[in-house]
Amino acid sequence: MTERIVVIGASGQLGFDLMRAFADLGPIGVDHATVDIERIDTISGMIARFKPTLVINTAAFHNVEHCEIHTDRAFAVNSVAIDSLAAQCEVSGVPLVHISTDYVFDGLASEAYAEEAPVNPINVYGISKLAGELLIRQRTERHFIVRTSGLYGLRGSSTKGHTFIQRMLAQAYAGQKLAVVDDMTFSPSFTLHVAKAIRDIVERGTFGTFHVTNTGQCTWYEFAAEIFRQAGLSPDMTPVTTEAFPSQARRPKFSPLRNAAIARLGLPPLPGWKEGIADYLAERVSSPGLRRSAM
């Protein structure tokens, strides 16, 4: 299955680290200029050209606010295009890895969501991503649906241009006062850890749905506090509720993911979310061209 891997969205935040995680296998990275998942001809052309034995798709319309405004676009990319991609993979006999989200849940649970927990998205982004999941399951049995949460990595977000960590550090270095939400709990996840776990799952060859996050959970305020503790900073930071930041989209107040399917495969758990921060910060220091001012 890993003889010829194509990563769609290879220049994005997670795609960048998937290329690193599979580097010894010579993965083929493609971007939007090569494969537009909204166009069937570019999907079929990619499969004919590269003859992949596995396709990993990270492409999505994932700006949650924009999804509320541009509903048609959200469903076109996150649902309809994914249906076409899954259909083309099935016809060609190619397994598909697809990245999904914790936002398929409503946030009303009292404990971390396992893979089999009932889904009930509360915003357009979550609904469109869930629709994509359902369409994949209809089209092909040879799939890995990977739900993750709160991604951050060296490459940064392709839509926002920064990660939460980058924004927090930049504001702290600038001496700004910070207000950070303390009533939303999730599982922040370092993309390199997620990418390596995806490789472990693929190499086991057991298809299905998997939650892949750094272990543990925290609020955004707790996440920020740990970032600053590890970075040796003490900014002026105040916990606030979500009402302090008016939004077009409702977001789940509680969306940590439990990596139950990974445990059932006998794979080791991902590092804890605090270790994720530590490894991210260490990589930023050791990576050339990534200066403090870019954080």
Protein backbone atom coordinates (compact mmCIF):
# COMPACT_ATOMS: atom_id res chain seq x y z
CA MET A 1 0.00 0.00 0.00
CA THR A 2 2.91 2.39 0.65
CA GLU A 3 4.81 1.69 -2.56
CA ARG A 4 3.65 4.92 -4.27
CA ILE A 5 2.00 7.49 -2.01
CA VAL A 6 0.43 10.68 -3.31
CA VAL A 7 -0.23 13.45 -0.78
CA ILE A 8 -2.83 15.97 -1.93
CA GLY A 9 -2.18 19.33 -0.28
CA ALA A 10 1.48 18.55 0.36
CA SER A 11 2.41 22.21 0.79
CA GLY A 12 -0.10 22.73 3.59
CA GLN A 13 0.37 22.44 7.33
CA LEU A 14 -0.32 18.72 7.75
CA GLY A 15 0.70 17.82 4.20
CA PHE A 16 4.19 19.20 4.87
CA ASP A 17 4.67 16.86 7.82
CA LEU A 18 3.10 13.90 6.02
CA MET A 19 5.79 14.31 3.38
CA ARG A 20 8.36 14.23 6.20
CA ALA A 21 6.79 11.22 7.92
CA PHE A 22 6.82 9.15 4.70
CA ALA A 23 10.06 10.69 3.35
CA ASP A 24 12.00 7.41 3.13
CA LEU A 25 9.28 6.02 0.84
CA GLY A 26 9.55 8.89 -1.66
CA PRO A 27 5.99 10.24 -1.46
CA ILE A 28 4.69 12.36 -4.31
CA GLY A 29 3.38 15.70 -3.13
CA VAL A 30 0.81 17.55 -5.23
CA ASP A 31 -0.74 20.96 -4.72
CA HIS A 32 -3.85 22.70 -6.05
CA ALA A 33 -2.13 23.53 -9.35
CA THR A 34 -1.70 19.81 -10.05
CA VAL A 35 -4.84 18.38 -8.47
CA ASP A 36 -8.01 20.42 -7.98
CA ILE A 37 -10.23 17.99 -6.10
CA GLU A 38 -13.29 19.83 -7.44
CA ARG A 39 -12.36 18.70 -10.96
CA ILE A 40 -12.71 15.00 -11.70
CA ASP A 41 -10.37 15.25 -14.68
CA THR A 42 -7.46 16.38 -12.51
CA ILE A 43 -8.13 13.56 -10.04
CA SER A 44 -8.25 10.90 -12.75
CA GLY A 45 -5.24 12.50 -14.43
CA MET A 46 -3.26 12.34 -11.19
CA ILE A 47 -4.10 8.66 -10.74
CA ALA A 48 -3.22 7.85 -14.35
CA ARG A 49 0.06 9.77 -14.16
CA PHE A 50 1.38 8.63 -10.78
CA LYS A 51 -0.39 5.26 -10.42
CA PRO A 52 -0.52 5.61 -6.62
CA THR A 53 -0.98 2.70 -4.27
CA LEU A 54 -2.28 5.14 -1.62
CA VAL A 55 -3.78 8.63 -1.80
CA ILE A 56 -3.71 10.90 1.26
CA ASN A 57 -6.02 13.89 1.03
CA THR A 58 -5.51 16.93 3.25
CA ALA A 59 -7.30 19.42 0.99
CA ALA A 60 -10.35 21.12 2.52
CA PHE A 61 -12.23 24.38 2.86
CA HIS A 62 -11.58 24.73 6.59
CA ASN A 63 -11.96 28.38 7.49
CA VAL A 64 -14.87 27.91 9.90
CA GLU A 65 -16.07 31.51 9.65
CA HIS A 66 -15.98 31.53 5.84
CA CYS A 67 -17.89 28.25 5.71
CA GLU A 68 -20.85 29.94 7.42
CA ILE A 69 -20.87 32.66 4.75
CA HIS A 70 -19.91 30.56 1.73
CA THR A 71 -22.01 27.46 2.37
CA ASP A 72 -22.04 26.32 -1.25
CA ARG A 73 -18.27 26.47 -1.36
CA ALA A 74 -17.94 24.51 1.88
CA PHE A 75 -20.05 21.65 0.54
CA ALA A 76 -18.46 21.78 -2.90
CA VAL A 77 -14.98 21.21 -1.46
CA ASN A 78 -15.64 19.23 1.72
CA SER A 79 -18.42 16.99 0.43
CA VAL A 80 -19.01 16.86 -3.33
CA ALA A 81 -15.34 16.92 -4.27
CA ILE A 82 -14.56 14.27 -1.66
CA ASP A 83 -17.26 12.05 -3.13
CA SER A 84 -15.60 12.37 -6.54
CA LEU A 85 -12.16 11.67 -5.10
CA ALA A 86 -13.39 8.57 -3.26
CA ALA A 87 -15.18 7.32 -6.40
CA GLN A 88 -12.06 7.71 -8.54
CA CYS A 89 -9.95 5.94 -5.92
CA GLU A 90 -12.42 3.08 -5.75
CA VAL A 91 -12.55 2.65 -9.52
CA SER A 92 -8.76 2.56 -9.61
CA GLY A 93 -8.42 0.27 -6.60
CA VAL A 94 -6.50 2.87 -4.59
CA PRO A 95 -7.01 3.17 -0.81
CA LEU A 96 -7.80 6.69 0.44
CA VAL A 97 -6.70 8.47 3.60
CA HIS A 98 -8.91 11.48 4.31
CA ILE A 99 -8.46 14.07 7.05
CA SER A 100 -11.56 15.04 9.03
CA THR A 101 -12.24 16.98 12.22
CA ASP A 102 -13.44 17.04 15.82
CA TYR A 103 -16.12 19.49 14.62
CA VAL A 104 -18.33 16.56 13.57
CA PHE A 105 -19.32 16.49 17.26
CA ASP A 106 -21.60 18.93 19.09
CA GLY A 107 -19.42 19.44 22.17
CA LEU A 108 -22.06 18.34 24.69
CA ALA A 109 -20.20 15.25 25.90
CA SER A 110 -18.66 14.95 29.36
CA GLU A 111 -15.70 12.83 28.25
CA ALA A 112 -13.44 12.65 25.20
CA TYR A 113 -15.15 11.39 22.05
CA ALA A 114 -14.26 7.92 20.81
CA GLU A 115 -14.58 7.08 17.12
CA GLU A 116 -17.97 5.44 17.51
CA ALA A 117 -19.53 8.33 19.47
CA PRO A 118 -22.69 9.82 17.88
CA VAL A 119 -21.94 12.73 15.55
CA ASN A 120 -23.93 15.96 15.56
CA PRO A 121 -22.08 18.92 14.00
CA ILE A 122 -23.29 22.42 14.91
CA ASN A 123 -21.73 24.52 12.16
CA VAL A 124 -21.47 24.43 8.37
CA TYR A 125 -17.84 23.34 8.41
CA GLY A 126 -18.62 20.35 10.63
CA ILE A 127 -21.70 19.39 8.63
CA SER A 128 -19.81 19.55 5.33
CA LYS A 129 -16.93 17.49 6.72
CA LEU A 130 -19.33 14.88 8.11
CA ALA A 131 -21.04 14.69 4.73
CA GLY A 132 -17.63 14.02 3.20
CA GLU A 133 -17.06 11.18 5.67
CA LEU A 134 -20.43 9.61 4.86
CA LEU A 135 -19.84 9.84 1.12
CA ILE A 136 -16.44 8.17 1.44
CA ARG A 137 -17.97 5.29 3.39
CA GLN A 138 -20.58 4.85 0.67
CA ARG A 139 -18.06 4.94 -2.16
CA THR A 140 -15.27 2.72 -0.89
CA GLU A 141 -14.50 0.31 1.92
CA ARG A 142 -10.77 0.90 1.45
CA HIS A 143 -10.53 4.11 3.42
CA PHE A 144 -8.88 5.60 6.48
CA ILE A 145 -10.87 8.54 7.86
CA VAL A 146 -8.64 10.44 10.28
CA ARG A 147 -10.25 12.93 12.63
CA THR A 148 -7.91 15.34 14.35
CA SER A 149 -8.09 18.55 16.38
CA GLY A 150 -6.35 21.88 16.91
CA LEU A 151 -3.53 21.30 14.44
CA TYR A 152 -0.36 23.36 14.52
CA GLY A 153 2.94 22.84 12.74
CA LEU A 154 6.05 24.46 11.33
CA ARG A 155 4.44 25.22 7.98
CA GLY A 156 1.54 27.18 9.45
CA SER A 157 -2.05 27.35 8.26
CA SER A 158 -2.62 27.72 4.52
CA THR A 159 -5.75 29.81 5.11
CA LYS A 160 -4.89 31.81 8.23
CA GLY A 161 -1.17 32.17 7.59
CA HIS A 162 -0.33 31.39 11.20
CA THR A 163 -1.05 28.96 13.99
CA PHE A 164 -2.39 29.73 17.44
CA ILE A 165 1.10 29.23 18.87
CA GLN A 166 2.63 31.62 16.36
CA ARG A 167 0.03 34.28 17.12
CA MET A 168 0.38 33.93 20.88
CA LEU A 169 4.17 34.17 20.80
CA ALA A 170 4.14 37.12 18.41
CA GLN A 171 1.74 39.03 20.66
CA ALA A 172 3.72 38.16 23.77
CA TYR A 173 7.00 39.31 22.23
CA ALA A 174 5.25 42.53 21.20
CA GLY A 175 4.20 43.09 24.81
CA GLN A 176 0.49 42.95 24.04
CA LYS A 177 -2.17 42.10 26.59
CA LEU A 178 -3.82 38.80 25.79
CA ALA A 179 -7.38 37.56 26.26
CA VAL A 180 -7.72 33.81 25.66
CA VAL A 181 -10.86 31.65 25.71
CA ASP A 182 -11.09 29.39 28.75
CA ASP A 183 -14.46 27.69 28.17
CA MET A 184 -13.59 25.56 25.10
CA THR A 185 -11.77 22.27 25.65
CA PHE A 186 -10.02 20.32 22.87
CA SER A 187 -6.96 18.20 22.01
CA PRO A 188 -4.26 20.44 20.47
CA SER A 189 -2.08 18.40 18.13
CA PHE A 190 1.37 18.85 16.60
CA THR A 191 1.19 17.94 12.92
CA LEU A 192 4.42 15.93 12.90
CA HIS A 193 3.10 13.68 15.68
CA VAL A 194 -0.19 13.28 13.79
CA ALA A 195 1.61 12.51 10.52
CA LYS A 196 3.78 9.82 12.11
CA ALA A 197 0.71 8.21 13.68
CA ILE A 198 -1.04 8.21 10.30
CA ARG A 199 1.89 6.31 8.87
CA ASP A 200 1.64 3.75 11.70
CA ILE A 201 -2.06 3.28 10.99
CA VAL A 202 -1.59 2.90 7.25
CA GLU A 203 1.17 0.36 7.72
CA ARG A 204 -1.17 -1.76 9.85
CA GLY A 205 -3.54 -1.84 6.88
CA THR A 206 -6.76 -1.88 8.91
CA PHE A 207 -9.31 0.42 7.30
CA GLY A 208 -11.77 2.50 9.30
CA THR A 209 -12.16 5.73 11.25
CA PHE A 210 -9.40 6.90 13.58
CA HIS A 211 -9.00 9.74 16.05
CA VAL A 212 -5.43 10.99 15.84
CA THR A 213 -4.49 13.70 18.32
CA ASN A 214 -1.91 14.36 20.97
CA THR A 215 -3.21 12.75 24.13
CA GLY A 216 -4.97 14.69 26.85
CA GLN A 217 -7.09 17.82 26.73
CA CYS A 218 -7.03 21.47 27.73
CA THR A 219 -8.76 24.77 27.18
CA TRP A 220 -7.32 27.36 24.82
CA TYR A 221 -6.25 29.38 27.87
CA GLU A 222 -4.46 26.36 29.37
CA PHE A 223 -2.85 25.71 26.01
CA ALA A 224 -1.57 29.30 25.83
CA ALA A 225 -0.32 29.20 29.43
CA GLU A 226 1.71 26.06 28.72
CA ILE A 227 3.14 27.59 25.53
CA PHE A 228 4.36 30.59 27.50
CA ARG A 229 5.67 28.45 30.36
CA GLN A 230 7.78 26.39 27.97
CA ALA A 231 8.91 29.47 26.05
CA GLY A 232 9.93 31.23 29.26
CA LEU A 233 7.50 34.11 28.80
CA SER A 234 5.10 35.78 31.24
CA PRO A 235 2.69 37.95 29.25
CA ASP A 236 -0.32 39.75 30.67
CA MET A 237 -3.01 37.15 29.90
CA THR A 238 -6.66 37.04 30.97
CA PRO A 239 -9.09 34.10 30.64
CA VAL A 240 -12.35 35.00 28.89
CA THR A 241 -15.45 33.22 27.60
CA THR A 242 -16.29 32.65 23.96
CA GLU A 243 -18.78 35.52 24.18
CA ALA A 244 -15.78 37.87 24.15
CA PHE A 245 -15.19 36.94 20.51
CA PRO A 246 -18.43 37.21 18.48
CA SER A 247 -18.50 34.64 15.70
CA GLN A 248 -20.58 33.67 12.68
CA ALA A 249 -20.11 30.00 13.58
CA ARG A 250 -21.04 28.04 16.66
CA ARG A 251 -18.18 25.91 17.93
CA PRO A 252 -18.28 22.83 20.17
CA LYS A 253 -17.39 23.78 23.73
CA PHE A 254 -15.92 20.32 24.42
CA SER A 255 -14.32 18.34 21.61
CA PRO A 256 -11.32 16.30 22.86
CA LEU A 257 -10.84 13.09 20.91
CA ARG A 258 -10.03 9.72 22.44
CA ASN A 259 -7.71 7.64 20.26
CA ALA A 260 -9.53 4.38 20.92
CA ALA A 261 -9.06 2.82 17.47
CA ILE A 262 -5.30 3.36 17.65
CA ALA A 263 -5.25 1.52 20.97
CA ARG A 264 -7.27 -1.35 19.48
CA LEU A 265 -4.60 -1.76 16.80
CA GLY A 266 -2.01 -2.09 19.54
CA LEU A 267 -0.22 1.08 18.45
CA PRO A 268 1.42 3.32 21.05
CA PRO A 269 -0.50 6.44 22.10
CA LEU A 270 0.58 9.76 20.66
CA PRO A 271 2.67 12.01 22.92
CA GLY A 272 0.77 14.25 25.33
CA TRP A 273 -0.27 17.73 24.25
CA LYS A 274 2.41 19.34 26.43
CA GLU A 275 5.06 17.22 24.73
CA GLY A 276 3.62 18.35 21.42
CA ILE A 277 4.35 21.95 22.36
CA ALA A 278 7.87 21.05 23.48
CA ASP A 279 8.69 19.25 20.23
CA TYR A 280 7.20 22.06 18.15
CA LEU A 281 9.22 24.73 19.95
CA ALA A 282 12.40 22.64 19.66
CA GLU A 283 11.85 22.25 15.92
CA ARG A 284 11.33 25.98 15.49
CA VAL A 285 14.66 26.65 17.14
CA SER A 286 16.51 24.07 15.04
CA SER A 287 14.83 24.84 11.69
CA PRO A 288 16.73 27.32 9.50
CA GLY A 289 14.85 30.39 8.37
CA LEU A 290 12.35 30.33 11.23
CA ARG A 291 13.17 33.40 13.30
CA ARG A 292 11.46 34.56 16.47
CA SER A 293 9.88 37.43 14.54
CA ALA A 294 8.01 34.91 12.41
CA MET A 295 6.28 33.41 15.40
